């Protein structure tokens, strides 16, 4: 009988003797939501008499179905066109509540149909969160009716830098090609509904108060120098052009968020908070006056104040703030969920400060990093994260107390698209590394890398069936 190749591996799987012979094991399996299992738990029991999938919720039953379909790949032909399904018992539940992928569609816009395929990839791997990075210096991708220039202007850059950006670089070669696009509210509602049908939550990110050059290009009054007309940024790196901190800009963000929250029902809303230079706040008269009026010792403290002001909208809608780990340094709300990206140690700092934390450290799960020899791989931002390194990722840092470890709510990989121009390249960088990430986020037994590869090789056919590109195994 073929090997059972389930990815991510269930927490408990026992293979028995014999098989169940069925003409249509998918249709003939019994499926139940039951009260004696936890909300995230499911069981699959295949005996010689039949198959039963039991789960503690509809979401858990979806996971059972995904696992069962992969189990059926191990069925063998039997008499009269039937198949023999191996006798197995599976007892399974995820270790972590947050199991995700961050997709950056701001640096390079990705078509809606491809976003739906990424959701299929998540569902195949029993992941449950698509973190949707919708805005950045290089593009604004979400329709906002109150501010139409965000997409009329902010969604388009006249051209894009060519080649690898080096630190401190100020002169660039450009491709001469206009790039952009955005999602209408109807597009986004379709994406949200498609994900929900598959048990996946779409968490929107409006990155602020930095990473806002595209918005300021559309509405110069949002910047610290409103007489200066910016363009949507055409190269990578961190822009010094950040939102000003006056009352009108606070109200702008609140209005944007109200429209975003009407589209996305997610309990969690990401407000960025990373890489916010303070050089303009230290120089601009209006920002300096705001700092003095608030009695703040440093211009950097304006970020925490600004985030607190705009996050009142989340409270109105009974949502929770999510932010990158810099937020811990800005007096952010104590109930903010922190994404530890700069290192695993940043996750330790966040939980010791009392924050629920999603682990997404750049050294382990940044999928814009090279996964092979740069001489033979497509251009990437740098770094080196091969498949085995993702498989070896430990979600919970060593040395945390039980109470601190309990604040680690999950993990995700991040797909930043500065050097990914199209869906083919995104697929190549995402897969199959996301298969290894799914093992760690689910809490699959860690037997060995070779054992994982043994399951992954046949699993690649499932990925291929989704119509998504992937990097072949070495």
Foldseek 3Di string as FASTA:
>chain_A
DDDQFAFPFFQDKDFDDWWAKDLDQLVFEAEEADCVADQFKWKWFGDNHHIYIYHPHPLNSLVVSLSVVSQCVPWDADPPNITTRTGMMGIHGFPFPAEEEEDECQLAHADLVLLLLVLVVCLNNSGAEYEYEQAFLQAHAEQQPVQRLNCVALFKAQWAFDDADDPPDDDGDTPRHMGGYHAYLVSLLVSQVSNVVSNHAYAYEDEDQWRCNSVCLSQVVQWLDSVDRGHRDRYDDTDQTGGAQDPVNLVVLLSRVVVVCVSGVALEYEHELPDHDQVSLVPRPVSVVVCVVVVHPDSLLSSQVSCVSNCVSSVVSNHAYEYELCNVVRPHDLAYEYEDACAVVSLVVNLVSPYQYAYAYPLQAALQEDQDDPVPDQDGNYHYHHLVSNLVDARADPPDDPSSSVSHNFYYHYYDCNRPHYQQSSQASPPPSSSSSSNNRRVHDCDDPVVSVSSVVVVVVVSVVSVGHYHDDD
